Amino acid sequence: MNPDADQSFPLVELAVLADLPPRTVRYYVQIGLVDRPEGETRAARYGARHLEQLLQIRKWTAAGVSLERIRELLHGAEPPVPPRSRAVGSLAVCSHLAVTDGVEVVIDPQRAGLSPEQVRHFVKRVMAAFDAVQAQGEAVAAKESDSAKSDKNNPQGEQR
């Protein structure tokens, strides 16, 4: 099913090759998702470019992409295609970062649009931020402890 570039098809044949109803092909042409054919009415001819466009549109619609988003993608918008919302029973591969006992971060790189390198960088930054918060908490605790000790050694509150 790899037609030559100079081969052309009538609408019905193109629809069979793309596994779409002819009415859908005409609709995609009408709304500008597929280029207009050569010729008009029953004499209209479609080429390999039209078939490629239809197959790409079929792939994206099967993935749950809206026709508006497909139009944006066909006109040069940035891929990747946004992932569909998760359906009941669907599986997702996530990373679980155990920061400390009781603190866990769940990362779904695909949904977040993160590359493996970005995930590694994110993990390093989260751990560094936690270490800084923990060090700050220890410094505050030490300061409060020193303050409490000095209050015990210098009971000025007894003079009234």
Protein backbone atom coordinates (compact mmCIF):
# COMPACT_ATOMS: atom_id res chain seq x y z
CA MET A 1 0.00 0.00 0.00
CA ASN A 2 2.80 2.39 -0.92
CA PRO A 3 1.53 4.15 -4.05
CA ASP A 4 3.87 5.93 -6.46
CA ALA A 5 4.06 9.69 -6.12
CA ASP A 6 2.61 10.24 -9.63
CA GLN A 7 -0.31 7.87 -9.11
CA SER A 8 -3.74 9.41 -8.64
CA PHE A 9 -7.02 8.08 -7.30
CA PRO A 10 -10.67 8.95 -7.50
CA LEU A 11 -12.37 9.76 -4.19
CA VAL A 12 -13.80 6.28 -3.66
CA GLU A 13 -10.41 4.59 -4.17
CA LEU A 14 -8.65 7.07 -1.87
CA ALA A 15 -11.28 6.47 0.79
CA VAL A 16 -10.68 2.70 0.60
CA LEU A 17 -6.90 3.15 0.85
CA ALA A 18 -7.28 5.46 3.86
CA ASP A 19 -9.99 3.24 5.41
CA LEU A 20 -12.34 6.22 5.73
CA PRO A 21 -15.80 6.91 4.35
CA PRO A 22 -15.80 9.16 1.25
CA ARG A 23 -18.01 11.62 3.13
CA THR A 24 -15.29 12.01 5.80
CA VAL A 25 -12.64 12.63 3.14
CA ARG A 26 -14.83 15.33 1.57
CA TYR A 27 -15.38 16.88 5.03
CA TYR A 28 -11.63 16.98 5.74
CA VAL A 29 -11.09 18.72 2.38
CA GLN A 30 -13.92 21.14 3.12
CA ILE A 31 -12.50 22.19 6.51
CA GLY A 32 -8.96 22.44 5.15
CA LEU A 33 -7.31 19.44 6.83
CA VAL A 34 -6.62 17.81 3.45
CA ASP A 35 -5.46 19.67 0.33
CA ARG A 36 -8.01 20.19 -2.44
CA PRO A 37 -7.89 17.56 -5.18
CA GLU A 38 -6.85 18.16 -8.80
CA GLY A 39 -10.02 18.76 -10.76
CA GLU A 40 -13.62 19.16 -9.65
CA THR A 41 -16.64 16.94 -8.87
CA ARG A 42 -16.42 13.37 -10.17
CA ALA A 43 -13.27 14.14 -12.17
CA ALA A 44 -11.36 15.09 -9.02
CA ARG A 45 -8.14 13.13 -8.53
CA TYR A 46 -6.20 12.61 -5.30
CA GLY A 47 -2.54 11.71 -5.04
CA ALA A 48 -0.10 10.17 -2.59
CA ARG A 49 0.11 13.48 -0.68
CA HIS A 50 -3.63 13.32 0.03
CA LEU A 51 -3.33 9.71 1.20
CA GLU A 52 -0.46 10.63 3.54
CA GLN A 53 -2.50 13.49 4.99
CA LEU A 54 -5.49 11.22 5.59
CA LEU A 55 -3.39 8.51 7.22
CA GLN A 56 -1.78 11.09 9.52
CA ILE A 57 -5.20 12.50 10.44
CA ARG A 58 -6.51 8.97 11.14
CA LYS A 59 -3.54 8.28 13.41
CA TRP A 60 -4.08 11.48 15.38
CA THR A 61 -7.84 11.08 15.69
CA ALA A 62 -7.35 7.50 16.90
CA ALA A 63 -5.06 8.95 19.59
CA GLY A 64 -7.88 11.27 20.68
CA VAL A 65 -6.55 14.49 19.16
CA SER A 66 -9.21 17.04 18.24
CA LEU A 67 -9.60 18.19 14.64
CA GLU A 68 -8.70 21.73 15.71
CA ARG A 69 -5.41 20.48 17.22
CA ILE A 70 -4.77 18.40 14.08
CA ARG A 71 -5.20 21.56 12.00
CA GLU A 72 -2.61 23.30 14.21
CA LEU A 73 -0.19 20.38 13.85
CA LEU A 74 -0.60 20.25 10.08
CA HIS A 75 0.14 23.98 9.90
CA GLY A 76 3.38 23.68 11.85
CA ALA A 77 2.36 23.85 15.52
CA GLU A 78 4.69 22.22 17.99
CA PRO A 79 4.37 18.47 18.49
CA PRO A 80 4.28 16.32 20.54
CA VAL A 81 0.59 15.73 20.61
CA PRO A 82 -0.73 16.32 24.12
CA PRO A 83 -1.59 13.04 25.85
CA ARG A 84 -5.20 12.05 26.30
CA SER A 85 -6.69 12.20 29.74
CA ARG A 86 -6.23 8.91 31.54
CA ALA A 87 -9.10 6.50 31.22
CA VAL A 88 -10.20 4.09 33.90
CA GLY A 89 -8.03 0.99 33.68
CA SER A 90 -5.23 2.68 31.75
CA LEU A 91 -1.61 2.14 32.70
CA ALA A 92 1.06 4.79 33.18
CA VAL A 93 4.74 4.44 33.97
CA CYS A 94 5.71 6.84 36.75
CA SER A 95 8.82 7.46 38.83
CA HIS A 96 8.49 7.64 42.59
CA LEU A 97 11.08 9.81 44.32
CA ALA A 98 11.32 8.97 48.03
CA VAL A 99 12.59 12.26 49.45
CA THR A 100 12.42 11.08 53.07
CA ASP A 101 10.12 8.97 55.20
CA GLY A 102 6.65 10.39 54.58
CA VAL A 103 7.60 12.54 51.59
CA GLU A 104 7.28 11.07 48.11
CA VAL A 105 7.08 12.77 44.71
CA VAL A 106 5.36 10.96 41.83
CA ILE A 107 6.59 11.96 38.38
CA ASP A 108 4.83 10.98 35.15
CA PRO A 109 7.39 12.18 32.59
CA GLN A 110 5.12 11.58 29.61
CA ARG A 111 2.24 13.65 30.99
CA ALA A 112 4.64 16.34 32.24
CA GLY A 113 6.43 16.43 28.89
CA LEU A 114 9.82 15.86 30.52
CA SER A 115 12.83 14.22 28.90
CA PRO A 116 14.92 11.77 30.96
CA GLU A 117 17.55 14.49 31.41
CA GLN A 118 14.93 16.94 32.67
CA VAL A 119 13.63 14.34 35.13
CA ARG A 120 17.17 13.81 36.48
CA HIS A 121 17.63 17.57 36.85
CA PHE A 122 14.23 17.89 38.57
CA VAL A 123 15.10 15.12 41.04
CA LYS A 124 18.43 16.78 41.90
CA ARG A 125 16.72 20.12 42.47
CA VAL A 126 13.97 18.61 44.64
CA MET A 127 16.55 16.82 46.79
CA ALA A 128 18.65 20.00 47.09
CA ALA A 129 15.55 21.99 48.08
CA PHE A 130 14.63 19.39 50.71
CA ASP A 131 18.19 19.42 52.10
CA ALA A 132 18.04 23.23 52.34
CA VAL A 133 14.66 23.14 54.13
CA GLN A 134 15.91 20.45 56.49
CA ALA A 135 19.12 22.40 57.26
CA GLN A 136 17.10 25.55 57.88
CA GLY A 137 14.82 23.62 60.24
CA GLU A 138 17.82 22.24 62.13
CA ALA A 139 19.31 25.73 62.44
CA VAL A 140 16.04 27.10 63.82
CA ALA A 141 15.78 24.18 66.26
CA ALA A 142 19.36 24.74 67.45
CA LYS A 143 18.72 28.46 67.91
CA GLU A 144 15.54 27.75 69.91
CA SER A 145 17.42 25.20 72.01
CA ASP A 146 20.20 27.71 72.75
CA SER A 147 17.61 30.33 73.63
CA ALA A 148 15.85 27.94 76.03
CA LYS A 149 19.16 27.03 77.71
CA SER A 150 20.07 30.69 78.22
CA ASP A 151 16.62 31.33 79.76
CA LYS A 152 17.23 28.55 82.30
CA ASN A 153 20.72 29.86 83.18
CA ASN A 154 19.58 33.47 83.45
CA PRO A 155 16.21 33.47 85.27
CA GLN A 156 15.38 37.16 85.00
CA GLY A 157 11.69 36.40 84.98
CA GLU A 158 11.74 35.79 88.77
CA GLN A 159 12.19 39.48 89.60
CA ARG A 160 8.74 41.08 89.67
